[in-house]
N, C-alpha and C. Protein backbone atom coordinates (compact mmCIF):
# COMPACT_ATOMS: atom_id res chain seq x y z
N MET A 1 -15.47 39.64 -27.21
CA MET A 1 -15.29 41.03 -26.84
C MET A 1 -16.00 41.28 -25.51
N ALA A 2 -15.25 41.46 -24.48
CA ALA A 2 -15.83 41.74 -23.17
C ALA A 2 -16.00 43.26 -23.01
N LEU A 3 -16.98 43.61 -22.25
CA LEU A 3 -17.22 45.02 -21.96
C LEU A 3 -16.62 45.36 -20.61
N SER A 4 -16.14 46.57 -20.47
CA SER A 4 -15.61 47.02 -19.18
C SER A 4 -16.78 47.29 -18.23
N ALA A 5 -16.46 47.39 -16.96
CA ALA A 5 -17.49 47.71 -15.96
C ALA A 5 -18.14 49.06 -16.28
N GLU A 6 -17.33 50.00 -16.75
CA GLU A 6 -17.85 51.32 -17.11
C GLU A 6 -18.79 51.22 -18.32
N ASP A 7 -18.40 50.42 -19.32
CA ASP A 7 -19.26 50.20 -20.50
C ASP A 7 -20.61 49.64 -20.08
N ILE A 8 -20.58 48.66 -19.19
CA ILE A 8 -21.81 48.01 -18.74
C ILE A 8 -22.68 48.98 -17.96
N GLN A 9 -22.07 49.76 -17.09
CA GLN A 9 -22.82 50.74 -16.30
C GLN A 9 -23.48 51.77 -17.22
N THR A 10 -22.72 52.28 -18.17
CA THR A 10 -23.25 53.27 -19.11
C THR A 10 -24.37 52.68 -19.95
N ALA A 11 -24.13 51.48 -20.50
CA ALA A 11 -25.14 50.83 -21.34
C ALA A 11 -26.40 50.52 -20.55
N SER A 12 -26.25 50.09 -19.32
CA SER A 12 -27.43 49.77 -18.50
C SER A 12 -28.27 51.01 -18.24
N ALA A 13 -27.63 52.15 -18.02
CA ALA A 13 -28.37 53.40 -17.80
C ALA A 13 -29.10 53.83 -19.06
N ILE A 14 -28.45 53.67 -20.21
CA ILE A 14 -29.07 54.01 -21.49
C ILE A 14 -30.27 53.10 -21.72
N TRP A 15 -30.06 51.81 -21.53
CA TRP A 15 -31.12 50.83 -21.76
C TRP A 15 -32.31 51.06 -20.83
N GLU A 16 -32.04 51.38 -19.58
CA GLU A 16 -33.11 51.60 -18.62
C GLU A 16 -34.09 52.67 -19.12
N LYS A 17 -33.56 53.73 -19.71
CA LYS A 17 -34.41 54.80 -20.24
C LYS A 17 -35.22 54.33 -21.44
N ILE A 18 -34.62 53.52 -22.30
CA ILE A 18 -35.33 53.01 -23.47
C ILE A 18 -36.38 51.98 -23.04
N TYR A 19 -36.00 51.11 -22.14
CA TYR A 19 -36.91 50.04 -21.70
C TYR A 19 -38.08 50.58 -20.87
N ALA A 20 -37.93 51.78 -20.31
CA ALA A 20 -39.02 52.39 -19.53
C ALA A 20 -40.27 52.57 -20.38
N ASP A 21 -40.10 52.69 -21.69
CA ASP A 21 -41.22 52.83 -22.62
C ASP A 21 -41.17 51.66 -23.60
N VAL A 22 -41.17 50.46 -23.03
CA VAL A 22 -40.90 49.23 -23.78
C VAL A 22 -41.86 49.04 -24.96
N GLU A 23 -43.14 49.26 -24.75
CA GLU A 23 -44.10 48.97 -25.81
C GLU A 23 -43.96 49.93 -26.99
N ASP A 24 -43.89 51.22 -26.71
CA ASP A 24 -43.74 52.20 -27.79
C ASP A 24 -42.40 52.05 -28.51
N ASN A 25 -41.33 51.91 -27.74
CA ASN A 25 -40.01 51.83 -28.35
C ASN A 25 -39.82 50.52 -29.11
N GLY A 26 -40.33 49.43 -28.57
CA GLY A 26 -40.24 48.16 -29.28
C GLY A 26 -41.01 48.19 -30.59
N ALA A 27 -42.20 48.75 -30.55
CA ALA A 27 -43.02 48.86 -31.76
C ALA A 27 -42.35 49.78 -32.78
N ASP A 28 -41.73 50.84 -32.31
CA ASP A 28 -41.03 51.78 -33.19
C ASP A 28 -39.90 51.06 -33.95
N VAL A 29 -39.09 50.32 -33.22
CA VAL A 29 -37.96 49.61 -33.83
C VAL A 29 -38.46 48.61 -34.87
N LEU A 30 -39.49 47.84 -34.53
CA LEU A 30 -40.01 46.85 -35.48
C LEU A 30 -40.67 47.51 -36.68
N SER A 31 -41.43 48.57 -36.47
CA SER A 31 -42.12 49.22 -37.59
C SER A 31 -41.12 49.80 -38.58
N ARG A 32 -40.01 50.33 -38.08
CA ARG A 32 -38.95 50.82 -38.97
C ARG A 32 -38.39 49.67 -39.80
N MET A 33 -38.19 48.54 -39.14
CA MET A 33 -37.67 47.37 -39.85
C MET A 33 -38.64 46.97 -40.96
N PHE A 34 -39.93 46.90 -40.64
CA PHE A 34 -40.92 46.48 -41.63
C PHE A 34 -41.00 47.44 -42.82
N LYS A 35 -40.85 48.73 -42.57
CA LYS A 35 -40.93 49.72 -43.65
C LYS A 35 -39.64 49.78 -44.47
N GLU A 36 -38.49 49.71 -43.81
CA GLU A 36 -37.21 49.88 -44.49
C GLU A 36 -36.68 48.57 -45.07
N HIS A 37 -37.13 47.46 -44.55
CA HIS A 37 -36.68 46.13 -44.99
C HIS A 37 -37.93 45.26 -45.13
N HIS A 38 -38.67 45.57 -46.19
CA HIS A 38 -40.01 44.99 -46.34
C HIS A 38 -40.02 43.45 -46.31
N HIS A 39 -38.94 42.82 -46.73
CA HIS A 39 -38.90 41.35 -46.71
C HIS A 39 -39.13 40.78 -45.31
N THR A 40 -38.85 41.58 -44.27
CA THR A 40 -39.01 41.08 -42.90
C THR A 40 -40.47 40.85 -42.53
N VAL A 41 -41.37 41.48 -43.25
CA VAL A 41 -42.81 41.25 -43.01
C VAL A 41 -43.14 39.78 -43.24
N ASN A 42 -42.42 39.14 -44.15
CA ASN A 42 -42.69 37.74 -44.48
C ASN A 42 -42.45 36.78 -43.31
N TYR A 43 -41.67 37.19 -42.32
CA TYR A 43 -41.45 36.35 -41.15
C TYR A 43 -42.68 36.28 -40.26
N PHE A 44 -43.61 37.18 -40.50
CA PHE A 44 -44.76 37.34 -39.59
C PHE A 44 -46.08 37.08 -40.32
N LYS A 45 -46.16 35.98 -40.99
CA LYS A 45 -47.37 35.62 -41.76
C LYS A 45 -48.60 35.56 -40.87
N ASN A 46 -48.41 35.22 -39.59
CA ASN A 46 -49.53 35.12 -38.66
C ASN A 46 -50.01 36.48 -38.14
N PHE A 47 -49.33 37.54 -38.49
CA PHE A 47 -49.74 38.89 -38.10
C PHE A 47 -50.68 39.41 -39.20
N THR A 48 -51.95 39.11 -39.08
CA THR A 48 -52.89 39.42 -40.14
C THR A 48 -53.05 40.92 -40.37
N GLN A 49 -53.06 41.70 -39.30
CA GLN A 49 -53.17 43.15 -39.46
C GLN A 49 -51.96 43.69 -40.24
N LEU A 50 -50.78 43.26 -39.84
CA LEU A 50 -49.56 43.70 -40.51
C LEU A 50 -49.57 43.30 -41.97
N GLN A 51 -49.94 42.07 -42.25
CA GLN A 51 -49.97 41.59 -43.63
C GLN A 51 -50.89 42.42 -44.50
N SER A 52 -52.00 42.89 -43.92
CA SER A 52 -52.99 43.62 -44.72
C SER A 52 -52.60 45.07 -44.99
N VAL A 53 -51.71 45.65 -44.18
CA VAL A 53 -51.39 47.08 -44.34
C VAL A 53 -49.92 47.37 -44.60
N ALA A 54 -49.07 46.37 -44.56
CA ALA A 54 -47.61 46.59 -44.57
C ALA A 54 -47.14 47.42 -45.75
N GLU A 55 -47.72 47.22 -46.92
CA GLU A 55 -47.23 47.93 -48.10
C GLU A 55 -47.67 49.38 -48.16
N THR A 56 -48.78 49.71 -47.55
CA THR A 56 -49.33 51.07 -47.70
C THR A 56 -49.27 51.90 -46.43
N ALA A 57 -49.19 51.28 -45.27
CA ALA A 57 -49.22 52.03 -44.01
C ALA A 57 -47.88 52.68 -43.73
N SER A 58 -47.93 53.75 -42.96
CA SER A 58 -46.70 54.41 -42.51
C SER A 58 -46.10 53.61 -41.36
N ALA A 59 -44.85 53.92 -41.03
CA ALA A 59 -44.21 53.27 -39.89
C ALA A 59 -44.97 53.57 -38.60
N VAL A 60 -45.51 54.77 -38.50
CA VAL A 60 -46.29 55.15 -37.31
C VAL A 60 -47.55 54.29 -37.21
N ASP A 61 -48.22 54.10 -38.33
CA ASP A 61 -49.43 53.27 -38.34
C ASP A 61 -49.11 51.82 -38.02
N ILE A 62 -48.00 51.33 -38.56
CA ILE A 62 -47.59 49.95 -38.27
C ILE A 62 -47.25 49.80 -36.79
N ALA A 63 -46.58 50.78 -36.23
CA ALA A 63 -46.22 50.73 -34.81
C ALA A 63 -47.45 50.72 -33.90
N ALA A 64 -48.57 51.21 -34.39
CA ALA A 64 -49.80 51.25 -33.59
C ALA A 64 -50.55 49.91 -33.60
N LEU A 65 -50.18 48.98 -34.47
CA LEU A 65 -50.87 47.69 -34.54
C LEU A 65 -50.60 46.88 -33.27
N ALA A 66 -51.64 46.30 -32.71
CA ALA A 66 -51.52 45.55 -31.45
C ALA A 66 -50.50 44.43 -31.56
N GLU A 67 -50.49 43.71 -32.68
CA GLU A 67 -49.56 42.58 -32.82
C GLU A 67 -48.11 43.05 -32.92
N VAL A 68 -47.88 44.20 -33.52
CA VAL A 68 -46.53 44.75 -33.62
C VAL A 68 -46.09 45.25 -32.24
N ARG A 69 -46.99 45.89 -31.53
CA ARG A 69 -46.68 46.38 -30.19
C ARG A 69 -46.35 45.21 -29.26
N ALA A 70 -47.11 44.16 -29.34
CA ALA A 70 -46.87 42.98 -28.49
C ALA A 70 -45.53 42.32 -28.82
N HIS A 71 -45.24 42.20 -30.11
CA HIS A 71 -43.97 41.56 -30.47
C HIS A 71 -42.78 42.48 -30.16
N GLY A 72 -42.96 43.77 -30.32
CA GLY A 72 -41.91 44.71 -29.94
C GLY A 72 -41.58 44.60 -28.46
N LYS A 73 -42.61 44.44 -27.66
CA LYS A 73 -42.41 44.25 -26.22
C LYS A 73 -41.66 42.95 -25.95
N LYS A 74 -41.99 41.91 -26.70
CA LYS A 74 -41.32 40.62 -26.55
C LYS A 74 -39.84 40.73 -26.92
N VAL A 75 -39.55 41.40 -28.02
CA VAL A 75 -38.16 41.61 -28.46
C VAL A 75 -37.39 42.40 -27.41
N PHE A 76 -37.99 43.47 -26.93
CA PHE A 76 -37.30 44.31 -25.95
C PHE A 76 -37.15 43.59 -24.61
N SER A 77 -38.09 42.73 -24.26
CA SER A 77 -37.95 41.94 -23.03
C SER A 77 -36.77 40.99 -23.15
N ALA A 78 -36.59 40.39 -24.33
CA ALA A 78 -35.43 39.52 -24.55
C ALA A 78 -34.13 40.34 -24.45
N LEU A 79 -34.13 41.52 -25.04
CA LEU A 79 -32.95 42.38 -24.95
C LEU A 79 -32.69 42.81 -23.50
N ASN A 80 -33.75 43.06 -22.77
CA ASN A 80 -33.61 43.43 -21.37
C ASN A 80 -32.92 42.31 -20.59
N GLU A 81 -33.32 41.09 -20.88
CA GLU A 81 -32.70 39.93 -20.24
C GLU A 81 -31.21 39.87 -20.59
N MET A 82 -30.89 40.13 -21.84
CA MET A 82 -29.48 40.11 -22.27
C MET A 82 -28.68 41.21 -21.58
N VAL A 83 -29.24 42.41 -21.53
CA VAL A 83 -28.54 43.52 -20.88
C VAL A 83 -28.29 43.19 -19.41
N SER A 84 -29.20 42.49 -18.79
CA SER A 84 -29.03 42.14 -17.37
C SER A 84 -27.90 41.12 -17.16
N HIS A 85 -27.47 40.46 -18.24
CA HIS A 85 -26.40 39.46 -18.14
C HIS A 85 -25.07 39.95 -18.73
N LEU A 86 -24.92 41.22 -18.96
CA LEU A 86 -23.69 41.73 -19.57
C LEU A 86 -22.46 41.50 -18.71
N THR A 87 -22.63 41.36 -17.41
CA THR A 87 -21.49 41.18 -16.52
C THR A 87 -20.95 39.75 -16.55
N ASN A 88 -21.69 38.83 -17.16
CA ASN A 88 -21.29 37.42 -17.18
C ASN A 88 -21.51 36.88 -18.59
N VAL A 89 -20.44 36.74 -19.35
CA VAL A 89 -20.55 36.34 -20.76
C VAL A 89 -21.18 34.96 -20.90
N ASP A 90 -20.87 34.02 -20.01
CA ASP A 90 -21.47 32.69 -20.09
C ASP A 90 -22.98 32.75 -19.88
N SER A 91 -23.39 33.56 -18.94
CA SER A 91 -24.82 33.75 -18.68
C SER A 91 -25.49 34.44 -19.86
N LEU A 92 -24.80 35.40 -20.45
CA LEU A 92 -25.32 36.10 -21.63
C LEU A 92 -25.51 35.10 -22.77
N LYS A 93 -24.51 34.27 -23.00
CA LYS A 93 -24.62 33.25 -24.05
C LYS A 93 -25.77 32.31 -23.77
N GLY A 94 -25.97 31.98 -22.51
CA GLY A 94 -27.08 31.10 -22.13
C GLY A 94 -28.44 31.71 -22.45
N THR A 95 -28.50 33.01 -22.47
CA THR A 95 -29.73 33.71 -22.85
C THR A 95 -29.87 33.79 -24.36
N ILE A 96 -28.76 34.01 -25.04
CA ILE A 96 -28.77 34.23 -26.49
C ILE A 96 -28.94 32.94 -27.29
N VAL A 97 -28.24 31.89 -26.91
CA VAL A 97 -28.20 30.68 -27.73
C VAL A 97 -29.58 30.10 -28.03
N PRO A 98 -30.46 29.91 -27.05
CA PRO A 98 -31.78 29.35 -27.39
C PRO A 98 -32.58 30.25 -28.34
N LEU A 99 -32.49 31.55 -28.13
CA LEU A 99 -33.19 32.49 -29.00
C LEU A 99 -32.64 32.42 -30.42
N ALA A 100 -31.32 32.38 -30.54
CA ALA A 100 -30.69 32.32 -31.87
C ALA A 100 -31.04 31.01 -32.57
N LYS A 101 -30.97 29.92 -31.84
CA LYS A 101 -31.27 28.60 -32.44
C LYS A 101 -32.72 28.55 -32.93
N LYS A 102 -33.64 29.07 -32.14
CA LYS A 102 -35.05 29.08 -32.54
C LYS A 102 -35.25 29.91 -33.80
N HIS A 103 -34.64 31.08 -33.83
CA HIS A 103 -34.80 31.94 -35.00
C HIS A 103 -34.13 31.37 -36.24
N ALA A 104 -33.03 30.64 -36.04
CA ALA A 104 -32.32 30.04 -37.17
C ALA A 104 -33.04 28.81 -37.71
N THR A 105 -33.47 27.93 -36.82
CA THR A 105 -33.99 26.63 -37.26
C THR A 105 -35.50 26.59 -37.44
N GLU A 106 -36.22 27.11 -36.47
CA GLU A 106 -37.69 27.05 -36.54
C GLU A 106 -38.29 28.19 -37.36
N LEU A 107 -37.82 29.40 -37.09
CA LEU A 107 -38.43 30.59 -37.69
C LEU A 107 -37.77 31.00 -39.01
N LYS A 108 -36.59 30.46 -39.28
CA LYS A 108 -35.87 30.70 -40.54
C LYS A 108 -35.62 32.18 -40.78
N VAL A 109 -35.19 32.87 -39.75
CA VAL A 109 -34.87 34.29 -39.84
C VAL A 109 -33.40 34.42 -40.25
N ASP A 110 -33.15 35.23 -41.25
CA ASP A 110 -31.77 35.51 -41.67
C ASP A 110 -31.08 36.27 -40.54
N VAL A 111 -29.91 35.81 -40.16
CA VAL A 111 -29.18 36.44 -39.06
C VAL A 111 -28.93 37.92 -39.32
N LYS A 112 -28.83 38.32 -40.58
CA LYS A 112 -28.59 39.73 -40.91
C LYS A 112 -29.74 40.62 -40.43
N ASP A 113 -30.93 40.05 -40.28
CA ASP A 113 -32.06 40.86 -39.84
C ASP A 113 -31.99 41.22 -38.36
N PHE A 114 -31.19 40.49 -37.59
CA PHE A 114 -30.90 40.94 -36.22
C PHE A 114 -30.09 42.23 -36.29
N GLY A 115 -29.20 42.32 -37.26
CA GLY A 115 -28.43 43.54 -37.46
C GLY A 115 -29.33 44.72 -37.78
N VAL A 116 -30.38 44.47 -38.55
CA VAL A 116 -31.35 45.52 -38.88
C VAL A 116 -32.03 46.02 -37.60
N ILE A 117 -32.45 45.09 -36.77
CA ILE A 117 -33.09 45.48 -35.50
C ILE A 117 -32.13 46.32 -34.67
N PHE A 118 -30.87 45.88 -34.59
CA PHE A 118 -29.90 46.64 -33.80
C PHE A 118 -29.62 48.01 -34.39
N GLU A 119 -29.56 48.13 -35.71
CA GLU A 119 -29.39 49.44 -36.34
C GLU A 119 -30.54 50.36 -35.98
N ASN A 120 -31.76 49.84 -36.06
CA ASN A 120 -32.93 50.64 -35.73
C ASN A 120 -32.95 51.03 -34.26
N LEU A 121 -32.55 50.09 -33.40
CA LEU A 121 -32.48 50.39 -31.97
C LEU A 121 -31.45 51.50 -31.71
N LEU A 122 -30.30 51.40 -32.34
CA LEU A 122 -29.29 52.44 -32.15
C LEU A 122 -29.75 53.79 -32.67
N ASP A 123 -30.47 53.80 -33.78
CA ASP A 123 -31.03 55.06 -34.30
C ASP A 123 -32.01 55.66 -33.29
N LEU A 124 -32.84 54.80 -32.71
CA LEU A 124 -33.80 55.26 -31.70
C LEU A 124 -33.08 55.84 -30.48
N ILE A 125 -32.05 55.15 -30.02
CA ILE A 125 -31.27 55.65 -28.89
C ILE A 125 -30.65 57.00 -29.24
N GLY A 126 -30.11 57.11 -30.44
CA GLY A 126 -29.53 58.38 -30.87
C GLY A 126 -30.54 59.51 -30.87
N GLN A 127 -31.75 59.21 -31.35
CA GLN A 127 -32.80 60.23 -31.39
C GLN A 127 -33.24 60.64 -29.99
N LYS A 128 -33.33 59.68 -29.09
CA LYS A 128 -33.87 59.97 -27.76
C LYS A 128 -32.81 60.42 -26.75
N GLN A 129 -31.56 59.95 -26.95
CA GLN A 129 -30.54 60.22 -25.93
C GLN A 129 -29.26 60.83 -26.49
N GLY A 130 -29.17 60.96 -27.80
CA GLY A 130 -28.01 61.62 -28.39
C GLY A 130 -26.96 60.64 -28.91
N GLY A 131 -26.03 61.21 -29.66
CA GLY A 131 -25.00 60.42 -30.33
C GLY A 131 -24.06 59.69 -29.39
N ASP A 132 -23.74 60.28 -28.25
CA ASP A 132 -22.85 59.60 -27.30
C ASP A 132 -23.49 58.34 -26.76
N ALA A 133 -24.78 58.41 -26.46
CA ALA A 133 -25.50 57.23 -25.97
C ALA A 133 -25.56 56.15 -27.05
N LYS A 134 -25.82 56.58 -28.26
CA LYS A 134 -25.87 55.64 -29.39
C LYS A 134 -24.53 54.93 -29.53
N GLU A 135 -23.46 55.69 -29.50
CA GLU A 135 -22.12 55.12 -29.64
C GLU A 135 -21.79 54.17 -28.48
N ALA A 136 -22.18 54.55 -27.27
CA ALA A 136 -21.90 53.71 -26.10
C ALA A 136 -22.69 52.40 -26.17
N PHE A 137 -23.95 52.48 -26.60
CA PHE A 137 -24.77 51.27 -26.62
C PHE A 137 -24.41 50.36 -27.80
N GLU A 138 -23.76 50.92 -28.79
CA GLU A 138 -23.34 50.11 -29.94
C GLU A 138 -22.38 49.00 -29.51
N LYS A 139 -21.63 49.22 -28.46
CA LYS A 139 -20.74 48.17 -27.94
C LYS A 139 -21.57 46.96 -27.51
N VAL A 140 -22.73 47.22 -26.93
CA VAL A 140 -23.62 46.15 -26.47
C VAL A 140 -24.24 45.43 -27.67
N THR A 141 -24.78 46.18 -28.61
CA THR A 141 -25.40 45.53 -29.76
C THR A 141 -24.38 44.75 -30.57
N ASN A 142 -23.16 45.25 -30.67
CA ASN A 142 -22.11 44.51 -31.38
C ASN A 142 -21.82 43.19 -30.68
N LEU A 143 -21.71 43.22 -29.36
CA LEU A 143 -21.45 42.01 -28.59
C LEU A 143 -22.59 41.00 -28.76
N ILE A 144 -23.82 41.45 -28.60
CA ILE A 144 -24.97 40.56 -28.70
C ILE A 144 -25.07 39.99 -30.11
N TYR A 145 -24.89 40.84 -31.10
CA TYR A 145 -24.98 40.39 -32.50
C TYR A 145 -23.91 39.33 -32.81
N GLU A 146 -22.70 39.54 -32.33
CA GLU A 146 -21.64 38.55 -32.53
C GLU A 146 -22.00 37.22 -31.88
N GLU A 147 -22.58 37.27 -30.71
CA GLU A 147 -22.98 36.03 -30.02
C GLU A 147 -24.14 35.34 -30.74
N ILE A 148 -25.05 36.12 -31.28
CA ILE A 148 -26.15 35.55 -32.07
C ILE A 148 -25.59 34.87 -33.31
N LYS A 149 -24.70 35.56 -34.02
CA LYS A 149 -24.11 34.97 -35.23
C LYS A 149 -23.34 33.70 -34.89
N ALA A 150 -22.63 33.69 -33.78
CA ALA A 150 -21.88 32.50 -33.38
C ALA A 150 -22.80 31.32 -33.07
N ALA A 151 -23.99 31.62 -32.56
CA ALA A 151 -24.95 30.56 -32.23
C ALA A 151 -25.72 30.06 -33.44
N TYR A 152 -25.75 30.84 -34.51
CA TYR A 152 -26.43 30.42 -35.73
C TYR A 152 -25.64 29.29 -36.32
C-alpha cells in the first residue's frame, strides 16, 4: 500500500507536532500500553522501576519513570526514521526489517503488540490534533504495521 504525496505531506506535518514532544508523547504511548495490556510489562524485565510499580501505578506515574521515558523516546525515534522514509518504500523496509527481526527473534515480542502501540499513538494524535489527524495518520501506521508483520 503506497501513500500519495498528499498523504505523506499530511502525515509528516502531524508527526512533526507529535515528535516535537518526543519524550512525553513516547512515554504516554508506552504507559498506556503497560496499563491496558499488562502482559507487555513482561517484555521489560530489565526495567526495575516499572516492574516494581506496574500493577499499582497509574499510567501517568508510569509515564514519569525514567526508563519508560527513555524507551518511549527510542520508540518514537525509530518511528521518526520510518516517517522520514515514507516517500521510498524500499528505504522504509530497510528501516523496518532489522527492527522487526530483532523484536521477533531476540526480544520475542508478539507482533500484535506493535498494533497496540499504533492504537495508542493514534489515540494520542486524536486527543492532541483531532479526529481528522488521527484518521490521516492511520494510513501511516497501517503501512508500517503491515511491513513489520511481513518482516516477522
